[in-house]
């Protein structure tokens, strides 16, 4: 999946805004002071944005490090067995 930096920024802002809105609704129901509600909501928005941005950078870093080294998932044959089958294994039935 490829996202441009602008699309990632918009997505991260939407994730942070959504988390902030949910937190605001939950905190407005609770009997807290209004200042505590707003401070907590802003902290949730900032933490959500930072976490989403960090995870985007981490995924990009991991994709770049593995793009030059393809994975080899083949199983080597057993020593002395030309077909790679074990004794007693007749293959699929």
PDB file of N, CA and C in Angstrom:
ATOM      1  N   UNK A   1       0.846  -1.169   0.000  1.00  0.00           N
ATOM      2  CA  UNK A   1       0.000   0.000   0.000  1.00  0.00           C
ATOM      3  C   UNK A   1       0.889   1.228   0.000  1.00  0.00           C
ATOM      4  N   UNK A   2       0.639   2.130  -0.899  1.00  0.00           N
ATOM      5  CA  UNK A   2       1.420   3.351  -0.995  1.00  0.00           C
ATOM      6  C   UNK A   2       0.525   4.544  -0.722  1.00  0.00           C
ATOM      7  N   UNK A   3       0.957   5.390   0.177  1.00  0.00           N
ATOM      8  CA  UNK A   3       0.269   6.646   0.461  1.00  0.00           C
ATOM      9  C   UNK A   3       1.259   7.786   0.298  1.00  0.00           C
ATOM     10  N   UNK A   4       0.805   8.839  -0.330  1.00  0.00           N
ATOM     11  CA  UNK A   4       1.663  10.010  -0.434  1.00  0.00           C
ATOM     12  C   UNK A   4       1.759  10.666   0.945  1.00  0.00           C
ATOM     13  N   UNK A   5       2.775  11.487   1.155  1.00  0.00           N
ATOM     14  CA  UNK A   5       2.887  12.157   2.460  1.00  0.00           C
ATOM     15  C   UNK A   5       1.665  13.012   2.804  1.00  0.00           C
ATOM     16  N   UNK A   6       1.047  13.634   1.785  1.00  0.00           N
ATOM     17  CA  UNK A   6      -0.134  14.448   2.041  1.00  0.00           C
ATOM     18  C   UNK A   6      -1.314  13.569   2.452  1.00  0.00           C
ATOM     19  N   UNK A   7      -1.474  12.415   1.796  1.00  0.00           N
ATOM     20  CA  UNK A   7      -2.572  11.511   2.144  1.00  0.00           C
ATOM     21  C   UNK A   7      -2.372  10.929   3.543  1.00  0.00           C
ATOM     22  N   UNK A   8      -1.126  10.612   3.897  1.00  0.00           N
ATOM     23  CA  UNK A   8      -0.846  10.109   5.243  1.00  0.00           C
ATOM     24  C   UNK A   8      -1.135  11.173   6.286  1.00  0.00           C
ATOM     25  N   UNK A   9      -0.795  12.432   5.990  1.00  0.00           N
ATOM     26  CA  UNK A   9      -1.069  13.529   6.918  1.00  0.00           C
ATOM     27  C   UNK A   9      -2.575  13.695   7.128  1.00  0.00           C
ATOM     28  N   UNK A  10      -3.348  13.645   6.048  1.00  0.00           N
ATOM     29  CA  UNK A  10      -4.804  13.776   6.160  1.00  0.00           C
ATOM     30  C   UNK A  10      -5.382  12.595   6.941  1.00  0.00           C
ATOM     31  N   UNK A  11      -4.912  11.390   6.649  1.00  0.00           N
ATOM     32  CA  UNK A  11      -5.411  10.213   7.366  1.00  0.00           C
ATOM     33  C   UNK A  11      -5.080  10.296   8.845  1.00  0.00           C
ATOM     34  N   UNK A  12      -3.860  10.685   9.177  1.00  0.00           N
ATOM     35  CA  UNK A  12      -3.464  10.794  10.582  1.00  0.00           C
ATOM     36  C   UNK A  12      -4.262  11.880  11.299  1.00  0.00           C
ATOM     37  N   UNK A  13      -4.523  12.986  10.617  1.00  0.00           N
ATOM     38  CA  UNK A  13      -5.336  14.047  11.223  1.00  0.00           C
ATOM     39  C   UNK A  13      -6.766  13.565  11.454  1.00  0.00           C
ATOM     40  N   UNK A  14      -7.314  12.793  10.522  1.00  0.00           N
ATOM     41  CA  UNK A  14      -8.667  12.257  10.702  1.00  0.00           C
ATOM     42  C   UNK A  14      -8.724  11.248  11.847  1.00  0.00           C
ATOM     43  N   UNK A  15      -7.703  10.410  11.960  1.00  0.00           N
ATOM     44  CA  UNK A  15      -7.651   9.449  13.073  1.00  0.00           C
ATOM     45  C   UNK A  15      -7.576  10.197  14.397  1.00  0.00           C
ATOM     46  N   UNK A  16      -6.713  11.203  14.463  1.00  0.00           N
ATOM     47  CA  UNK A  16      -6.566  11.970  15.699  1.00  0.00           C
ATOM     48  C   UNK A  16      -7.853  12.729  16.034  1.00  0.00           C
ATOM     49  N   UNK A  17      -8.479  13.324  15.045  1.00  0.00           N
ATOM     50  CA  UNK A  17      -9.736  14.046  15.283  1.00  0.00           C
ATOM     51  C   UNK A  17     -10.857  13.132  15.739  1.00  0.00           C
ATOM     52  N   UNK A  18     -10.930  11.955  15.133  1.00  0.00           N
ATOM     53  CA  UNK A  18     -11.959  10.989  15.529  1.00  0.00           C
ATOM     54  C   UNK A  18     -11.731  10.520  16.961  1.00  0.00           C
ATOM     55  N   UNK A  19     -10.495  10.178  17.301  1.00  0.00           N
ATOM     56  CA  UNK A  19     -10.200   9.766  18.678  1.00  0.00           C
ATOM     57  C   UNK A  19     -10.484  10.890  19.662  1.00  0.00           C
ATOM     58  N   UNK A  20     -10.162  12.116  19.282  1.00  0.00           N
ATOM     59  CA  UNK A  20     -10.448  13.256  20.146  1.00  0.00           C
ATOM     60  C   UNK A  20     -11.933  13.475  20.341  1.00  0.00           C
ATOM     61  N   UNK A  21     -12.717  13.332  19.273  1.00  0.00           N
ATOM     62  CA  UNK A  21     -14.170  13.508  19.384  1.00  0.00           C
ATOM     63  C   UNK A  21     -14.792  12.444  20.277  1.00  0.00           C
ATOM     64  N   UNK A  22     -14.342  11.205  20.113  1.00  0.00           N
ATOM     65  CA  UNK A  22     -14.863  10.126  20.962  1.00  0.00           C
ATOM     66  C   UNK A  22     -14.506  10.388  22.419  1.00  0.00           C
ATOM     67  N   UNK A  23     -13.264  10.802  22.659  1.00  0.00           N
ATOM     68  CA  UNK A  23     -12.840  11.107  24.029  1.00  0.00           C
ATOM     69  C   UNK A  23     -13.633  12.267  24.609  1.00  0.00           C
ATOM     70  N   UNK A  24     -13.875  13.285  23.817  1.00  0.00           N
ATOM     71  CA  UNK A  24     -14.641  14.447  24.280  1.00  0.00           C
ATOM     72  C   UNK A  24     -16.049  14.040  24.697  1.00  0.00           C
ATOM     73  N   UNK A  25     -16.696  13.224  23.893  1.00  0.00           N
ATOM     74  CA  UNK A  25     -18.055  12.773  24.228  1.00  0.00           C
ATOM     75  C   UNK A  25     -18.046  11.962  25.518  1.00  0.00           C
ATOM     76  N   UNK A  26     -17.074  11.065  25.646  1.00  0.00           N
ATOM     77  CA  UNK A  26     -17.008  10.233  26.848  1.00  0.00           C
ATOM     78  C   UNK A  26     -16.742  11.090  28.083  1.00  0.00           C
ATOM     79  N   UNK A  27     -15.827  12.049  27.960  1.00  0.00           N
ATOM     80  CA  UNK A  27     -15.469  12.867  29.121  1.00  0.00           C
ATOM     81  C   UNK A  27     -16.550  13.872  29.491  1.00  0.00           C
ATOM     82  N   UNK A  28     -17.331  14.317  28.531  1.00  0.00           N
ATOM     83  CA  UNK A  28     -18.412  15.244  28.858  1.00  0.00           C
ATOM     84  C   UNK A  28     -19.520  14.556  29.644  1.00  0.00           C
ATOM     85  N   UNK A  29     -19.629  13.254  29.501  1.00  0.00           N
ATOM     86  CA  UNK A  29     -20.612  12.495  30.272  1.00  0.00           C
ATOM     87  C   UNK A  29     -20.139  12.371  31.725  1.00  0.00           C
ATOM     88  N   UNK A  30     -18.829  12.220  31.912  1.00  0.00           N
ATOM     89  CA  UNK A  30     -18.271  12.040  33.257  1.00  0.00           C
ATOM     90  C   UNK A  30     -18.314  13.373  34.025  1.00  0.00           C
ATOM     91  N   UNK A  31     -18.443  13.309  35.329  1.00  0.00           N
ATOM     92  CA  UNK A  31     -18.505  14.550  36.129  1.00  0.00           C
ATOM     93  C   UNK A  31     -17.110  15.114  36.410  1.00  0.00           C
ATOM     94  N   UNK A  32     -16.477  15.705  35.398  1.00  0.00           N
ATOM     95  CA  UNK A  32     -15.169  16.346  35.554  1.00  0.00           C
ATOM     96  C   UNK A  32     -15.313  17.827  35.250  1.00  0.00           C
ATOM     97  N   UNK A  33     -14.293  18.570  35.597  1.00  0.00           N
ATOM     98  CA  UNK A  33     -14.292  19.987  35.246  1.00  0.00           C
ATOM     99  C   UNK A  33     -14.066  20.164  33.752  1.00  0.00           C
ATOM    100  N   UNK A  34     -14.554  21.266  33.218  1.00  0.00           N
ATOM    101  CA  UNK A  34     -14.453  21.505  31.780  1.00  0.00           C
ATOM    102  C   UNK A  34     -12.999  21.638  31.331  1.00  0.00           C
ATOM    103  N   UNK A  35     -12.160  22.227  32.155  1.00  0.00           N
ATOM    104  CA  UNK A  35     -10.742  22.365  31.792  1.00  0.00           C
ATOM    105  C   UNK A  35     -10.071  20.997  31.682  1.00  0.00           C
ATOM    106  N   UNK A  36     -10.396  20.093  32.598  1.00  0.00           N
ATOM    107  CA  UNK A  36      -9.826  18.745  32.542  1.00  0.00           C
ATOM    108  C   UNK A  36     -10.287  18.013  31.287  1.00  0.00           C
ATOM    109  N   UNK A  37     -11.525  18.209  30.898  1.00  0.00           N
ATOM    110  CA  UNK A  37     -12.059  17.566  29.696  1.00  0.00           C
ATOM    111  C   UNK A  37     -11.314  18.061  28.460  1.00  0.00           C
ATOM    112  N   UNK A  38     -11.135  19.370  28.332  1.00  0.00           N
ATOM    113  CA  UNK A  38     -10.467  19.915  27.154  1.00  0.00           C
ATOM    114  C   UNK A  38      -8.993  19.538  27.107  1.00  0.00           C
ATOM    115  N   UNK A  39      -8.314  19.582  28.244  1.00  0.00           N
ATOM    116  CA  UNK A  39      -6.897  19.214  28.276  1.00  0.00           C
ATOM    117  C   UNK A  39      -6.716  17.748  27.912  1.00  0.00           C
ATOM    118  N   UNK A  40      -7.553  16.888  28.474  1.00  0.00           N
ATOM    119  CA  UNK A  40      -7.459  15.455  28.167  1.00  0.00           C
ATOM    120  C   UNK A  40      -7.753  15.204  26.690  1.00  0.00           C
ATOM    121  N   UNK A  41      -8.748  15.863  26.140  1.00  0.00           N
ATOM    122  CA  UNK A  41      -9.094  15.691  24.727  1.00  0.00           C
ATOM    123  C   UNK A  41      -7.938  16.127  23.828  1.00  0.00           C
ATOM    124  N   UNK A  42      -7.331  17.262  24.130  1.00  0.00           N
ATOM    125  CA  UNK A  42      -6.202  17.730  23.322  1.00  0.00           C
ATOM    126  C   UNK A  42      -5.005  16.789  23.432  1.00  0.00           C
ATOM    127  N   UNK A  43      -4.784  16.242  24.626  1.00  0.00           N
ATOM    128  CA  UNK A  43      -3.690  15.279  24.776  1.00  0.00           C
ATOM    129  C   UNK A  43      -3.958  13.998  23.988  1.00  0.00           C
ATOM    130  N   UNK A  44      -5.199  13.547  23.954  1.00  0.00           N
ATOM    131  CA  UNK A  44      -5.536  12.352  23.170  1.00  0.00           C
ATOM    132  C   UNK A  44      -5.342  12.627  21.680  1.00  0.00           C
ATOM    133  N   UNK A  45      -5.747  13.797  21.213  1.00  0.00           N
ATOM    134  CA  UNK A  45      -5.554  14.152  19.797  1.00  0.00           C
ATOM    135  C   UNK A  45      -4.067  14.168  19.454  1.00  0.00           C
ATOM    136  N   UNK A  46      -3.254  14.811  20.285  1.00  0.00           N
ATOM    137  CA  UNK A  46      -1.814  14.894  20.020  1.00  0.00           C
ATOM    138  C   UNK A  46      -1.163  13.507  20.062  1.00  0.00           C
ATOM    139  N   UNK A  47      -1.534  12.698  21.043  1.00  0.00           N
ATOM    140  CA  UNK A  47      -0.953  11.354  21.148  1.00  0.00           C
ATOM    141  C   UNK A  47      -1.380  10.470  19.980  1.00  0.00           C
ATOM    142  N   UNK A  48      -2.627  10.588  19.547  1.00  0.00           N
ATOM    143  CA  UNK A  48      -3.097   9.799  18.399  1.00  0.00           C
ATOM    144  C   UNK A  48      -2.347  10.189  17.131  1.00  0.00           C
ATOM    145  N   UNK A  49      -2.175  11.486  16.916  1.00  0.00           N
ATOM    146  CA  UNK A  49      -1.458  11.948  15.727  1.00  0.00           C
ATOM    147  C   UNK A  49      -0.001  11.501  15.758  1.00  0.00           C
ATOM    148  N   UNK A  50       0.647  11.623  16.903  1.00  0.00           N
ATOM    149  CA  UNK A  50       2.047  11.222  17.016  1.00  0.00           C
ATOM    150  C   UNK A  50       2.210   9.711  16.810  1.00  0.00           C
ATOM    151  N   UNK A  51       1.305   8.930  17.383  1.00  0.00           N
ATOM    152  CA  UNK A  51       1.383   7.481  17.235  1.00  0.00           C
ATOM    153  C   UNK A  51       1.163   7.057  15.790  1.00  0.00           C
ATOM    154  N   UNK A  52       0.168   7.645  15.124  1.00  0.00           N
ATOM    155  CA  UNK A  52      -0.092   7.302  13.723  1.00  0.00           C
ATOM    156  C   UNK A  52       1.081   7.719  12.829  1.00  0.00           C
ATOM    157  N   UNK A  53       1.660   8.881  13.078  1.00  0.00           N
ATOM    158  CA  UNK A  53       2.809   9.334  12.282  1.00  0.00           C
ATOM    159  C   UNK A  53       4.024   8.445  12.506  1.00  0.00           C
ATOM    160  N   UNK A  54       4.273   8.067  13.761  1.00  0.00           N
ATOM    161  CA  UNK A  54       5.386   7.181  14.064  1.00  0.00           C
ATOM    162  C   UNK A  54       5.202   5.823  13.394  1.00  0.00           C
ATOM    163  N   UNK A  55       3.992   5.277  13.440  1.00  0.00           N
ATOM    164  CA  UNK A  55       3.766   3.969  12.817  1.00  0.00           C
ATOM    165  C   UNK A  55       3.922   4.045  11.297  1.00  0.00           C
ATOM    166  N   UNK A  56       3.520   5.163  10.684  1.00  0.00           N
ATOM    167  CA  UNK A  56       3.743   5.333   9.244  1.00  0.00           C
ATOM    168  C   UNK A  56       5.231   5.335   8.918  1.00  0.00           C
ATOM    169  N   UNK A  57       6.015   6.047   9.699  1.00  0.00           N
ATOM    170  CA  UNK A  57       7.463   6.095   9.465  1.00  0.00           C
ATOM    171  C   UNK A  57       8.116   4.734   9.694  1.00  0.00           C
ATOM    172  N   UNK A  58       7.651   4.012  10.701  1.00  0.00           N
ATOM    173  CA  UNK A  58       8.195   2.684  10.979  1.00  0.00           C
ATOM    174  C   UNK A  58       7.876   1.716   9.842  1.00  0.00           C
ATOM    175  N   UNK A  59       6.659   1.742   9.341  1.00  0.00           N
ATOM    176  CA  UNK A  59       6.286   0.863   8.232  1.00  0.00           C
ATOM    177  C   UNK A  59       7.086   1.208   6.988  1.00  0.00           C
ATOM    178  N   UNK A  60       7.270   2.500   6.714  1.00  0.00           N
ATOM    179  CA  UNK A  60       8.072   2.913   5.559  1.00  0.00           C
ATOM    180  C   UNK A  60       9.512   2.435   5.702  1.00  0.00           C
ATOM    181  N   UNK A  61      10.083   2.553   6.901  1.00  0.00           N
ATOM    182  CA  UNK A  61      11.443   2.088   7.145  1.00  0.00           C
ATOM    183  C   UNK A  61      11.546   0.579   6.930  1.00  0.00           C
ATOM    184  N   UNK A  62      10.587  -0.173   7.443  1.00  0.00           N
ATOM    185  CA  UNK A  62      10.622  -1.627   7.289  1.00  0.00           C
ATOM    186  C   UNK A  62      10.433  -2.050   5.836  1.00  0.00           C
ATOM    187  N   UNK A  63       9.593  -1.346   5.098  1.00  0.00           N
ATOM    188  CA  UNK A  63       9.401  -1.672   3.690  1.00  0.00           C
ATOM    189  C   UNK A  63      10.673  -1.404   2.898  1.00  0.00           C
ATOM    190  N   UNK A  64      11.376  -0.335   3.202  1.00  0.00           N
ATOM    191  CA  UNK A  64      12.616  -0.018   2.483  1.00  0.00           C
ATOM    192  C   UNK A  64      13.711  -1.022   2.803  1.00  0.00           C
ATOM    193  N   UNK A  65      13.788  -1.480   4.045  1.00  0.00           N
ATOM    194  CA  UNK A  65      14.864  -2.399   4.411  1.00  0.00           C
ATOM    195  C   UNK A  65      14.651  -3.785   3.823  1.00  0.00           C
ATOM    196  N   UNK A  66      13.420  -4.164   3.557  1.00  0.00           N
ATOM    197  CA  UNK A  66      13.162  -5.493   3.007  1.00  0.00           C
ATOM    198  C   UNK A  66      12.993  -5.488   1.491  1.00  0.00           C
ATOM    199  N   UNK A  67      12.917  -4.321   0.872  1.00  0.00           N
ATOM    200  CA  UNK A  67      12.696  -4.291  -0.567  1.00  0.00           C
ATOM    201  C   UNK A  67      13.914  -4.767  -1.348  1.00  0.00           C
ATOM    202  N   UNK A  68      15.118  -4.605  -0.803  1.00  0.00           N
ATOM    203  CA  UNK A  68      16.313  -5.017  -1.522  1.00  0.00           C
ATOM    204  C   UNK A  68      16.664  -6.483  -1.261  1.00  0.00           C
ATOM    205  N   UNK A  69      16.049  -7.108  -0.271  1.00  0.00           N
ATOM    206  CA  UNK A  69      16.350  -8.491   0.068  1.00  0.00           C
ATOM    207  C   UNK A  69      15.077  -9.328  -0.021  1.00  0.00           C
ATOM    208  N   UNK A  70      14.851  -9.987  -1.165  1.00  0.00           N
ATOM    209  CA  UNK A  70      13.646 -10.817  -1.261  1.00  0.00           C
ATOM    210  C   UNK A  70      13.738 -12.018  -0.320  1.00  0.00           C
ATOM    211  N   UNK A  71      12.601 -12.430   0.183  1.00  0.00           N
ATOM    212  CA  UNK A  71      12.562 -13.575   1.084  1.00  0.00           C
ATOM    213  C   UNK A  71      12.652 -14.871   0.297  1.00  0.00           C
ATOM    214  N   UNK A  72      13.466 -15.801   0.772  1.00  0.00           N
ATOM    215  CA  UNK A  72      13.572 -17.120   0.162  1.00  0.00           C
ATOM    216  C   UNK A  72      12.858 -18.106   1.075  1.00  0.00           C
ATOM    217  N   UNK A  73      11.658 -18.509   0.674  1.00  0.00           N
ATOM    218  CA  UNK A  73      10.840 -19.393   1.499  1.00  0.00           C
ATOM    219  C   UNK A  73      10.883 -20.835   1.027  1.00  0.00           C
ATOM    220  N   UNK A  74      11.809 -21.169   0.126  1.00  0.00           N
ATOM    221  CA  UNK A  74      11.876 -22.542  -0.371  1.00  0.00           C
ATOM    222  C   UNK A  74      12.520 -23.450   0.673  1.00  0.00           C
ATOM    223  N   UNK A  75      12.106 -24.706   0.668  1.00  0.00           N
ATOM    224  CA  UNK A  75      12.637 -25.698   1.604  1.00  0.00           C
ATOM    225  C   UNK A  75      13.657 -26.541   0.861  1.00  0.00           C
ATOM    226  N   UNK A  76      14.897 -26.607   1.362  1.00  0.00           N
ATOM    227  CA  UNK A  76      15.902 -27.409   0.661  1.00  0.00           C
ATOM    228  C   UNK A  76      15.573 -28.901   0.776  1.00  0.00           C
ATOM    229  N   UNK A  77      15.915 -29.689  -0.250  1.00  0.00           N
ATOM    230  CA  UNK A  77      15.647 -31.128  -0.182  1.00  0.00           C
ATOM    231  C   UNK A  77      16.528 -31.801   0.859  1.00  0.00           C
ATOM    232  N   UNK A  78      16.063 -32.943   1.333  1.00  0.00           N
ATOM    233  CA  UNK A  78      16.826 -33.708   2.319  1.00  0.00           C
ATOM    234  C   UNK A  78      18.112 -34.224   1.673  1.00  0.00           C
ATOM    235  N   UNK A  79      19.192 -34.381   2.440  1.00  0.00           N
ATOM    236  CA  UNK A  79      20.452 -34.867   1.868  1.00  0.00           C
ATOM    237  C   UNK A  79      20.288 -36.270   1.285  1.00  0.00           C
ATOM    238  N   UNK A  80      20.761 -36.481   0.072  1.00  0.00           N
ATOM    239  CA  UNK A  80      20.706 -37.781  -0.577  1.00  0.00           C
ATOM    240  C   UNK A  80      19.375 -38.089  -1.243  1.00  0.00           C
ATOM    241  N   UNK A  81      18.424 -37.200  -1.186  1.00  0.00           N
ATOM    242  CA  UNK A  81      17.112 -37.435  -1.792  1.00  0.00           C
ATOM    243  C   UNK A  81      16.945 -36.447  -2.935  1.00  0.00           C
ATOM    244  N   UNK A  82      16.916 -36.952  -4.148  1.00  0.00           N
ATOM    245  CA  UNK A  82      16.874 -36.073  -5.310  1.00  0.00           C
ATOM    246  C   UNK A  82      15.543 -35.365  -5.458  1.00  0.00           C
ATOM    247  N   UNK A  83      14.446 -35.973  -5.028  1.00  0.00           N
ATOM    248  CA  UNK A  83      13.140 -35.363  -5.192  1.00  0.00           C
ATOM    249  C   UNK A  83      12.704 -34.563  -3.971  1.00  0.00           C
ATOM    250  N   UNK A  84      13.444 -34.653  -2.903  1.00  0.00           N
ATOM    251  CA  UNK A  84      13.090 -33.904  -1.709  1.00  0.00           C
ATOM    252  C   UNK A  84      11.994 -34.550  -0.902  1.00  0.00           C
ATOM    253  N   UNK A  85      11.699 -35.837  -1.160  1.00  0.00           N
ATOM    254  CA  UNK A  85      10.660 -36.528  -0.405  1.00  0.00           C
ATOM    255  C   UNK A  85      11.285 -37.360   0.694  1.00  0.00           C
ATOM    256  N   UNK A  86      10.582 -37.493   1.762  1.00  0.00           N
ATOM    257  CA  UNK A  86      11.050 -38.325   2.855  1.00  0.00           C
ATOM    258  C   UNK A  86      10.616 -39.754   2.610  1.00  0.00           C
ATOM    259  N   UNK A  87      11.360 -40.729   3.156  1.00  0.00           N
ATOM    260  CA  UNK A  87      10.937 -42.125   2.983  1.00  0.00           C
ATOM    261  C   UNK A  87       9.578 -42.358   3.615  1.00  0.00           C
ATOM    262  N   UNK A  88       8.728 -43.044   2.907  1.00  0.00           N
ATOM    263  CA  UNK A  88       7.388 -43.336   3.385  1.00  0.00           C
ATOM    264  C   UNK A  88       6.362 -42.303   2.964  1.00  0.00           C
ATOM    265  N   UNK A  89       6.800 -41.189   2.425  1.00  0.00           N
ATOM    266  CA  UNK A  89       5.869 -40.169   1.982  1.00  0.00           C
ATOM    267  C   UNK A  89       5.618 -40.368   0.489  1.00  0.00           C
ATOM    268  N   UNK A  90       4.422 -40.721   0.146  1.00  0.00           N
ATOM    269  CA  UNK A  90       4.082 -40.989  -1.241  1.00  0.00           C
ATOM    270  C   UNK A  90       3.547 -39.748  -1.962  1.00  0.00           C
ATOM    271  N   UNK A  91       3.511 -38.628  -1.267  1.00  0.00           N
ATOM    272  CA  UNK A  91       2.986 -37.421  -1.887  1.00  0.00           C
ATOM    273  C   UNK A  91       1.493 -37.294  -1.641  1.00  0.00           C
ATOM    274  N   UNK A  92       0.842 -36.368  -2.323  1.00  0.00           N
ATOM    275  CA  UNK A  92      -0.594 -36.165  -2.120  1.00  0.00           C
ATOM    276  C   UNK A  92      -1.407 -37.355  -2.612  1.00  0.00           C
ATOM    277  N   UNK A  93      -2.465 -37.655  -1.891  1.00  0.00           N
ATOM    278  CA  UNK A  93      -3.351 -38.769  -2.284  1.00  0.00           C
ATOM    279  C   UNK A  93      -4.658 -38.258  -2.784  1.00  0.00           C
TER     280      UNK A  93
END
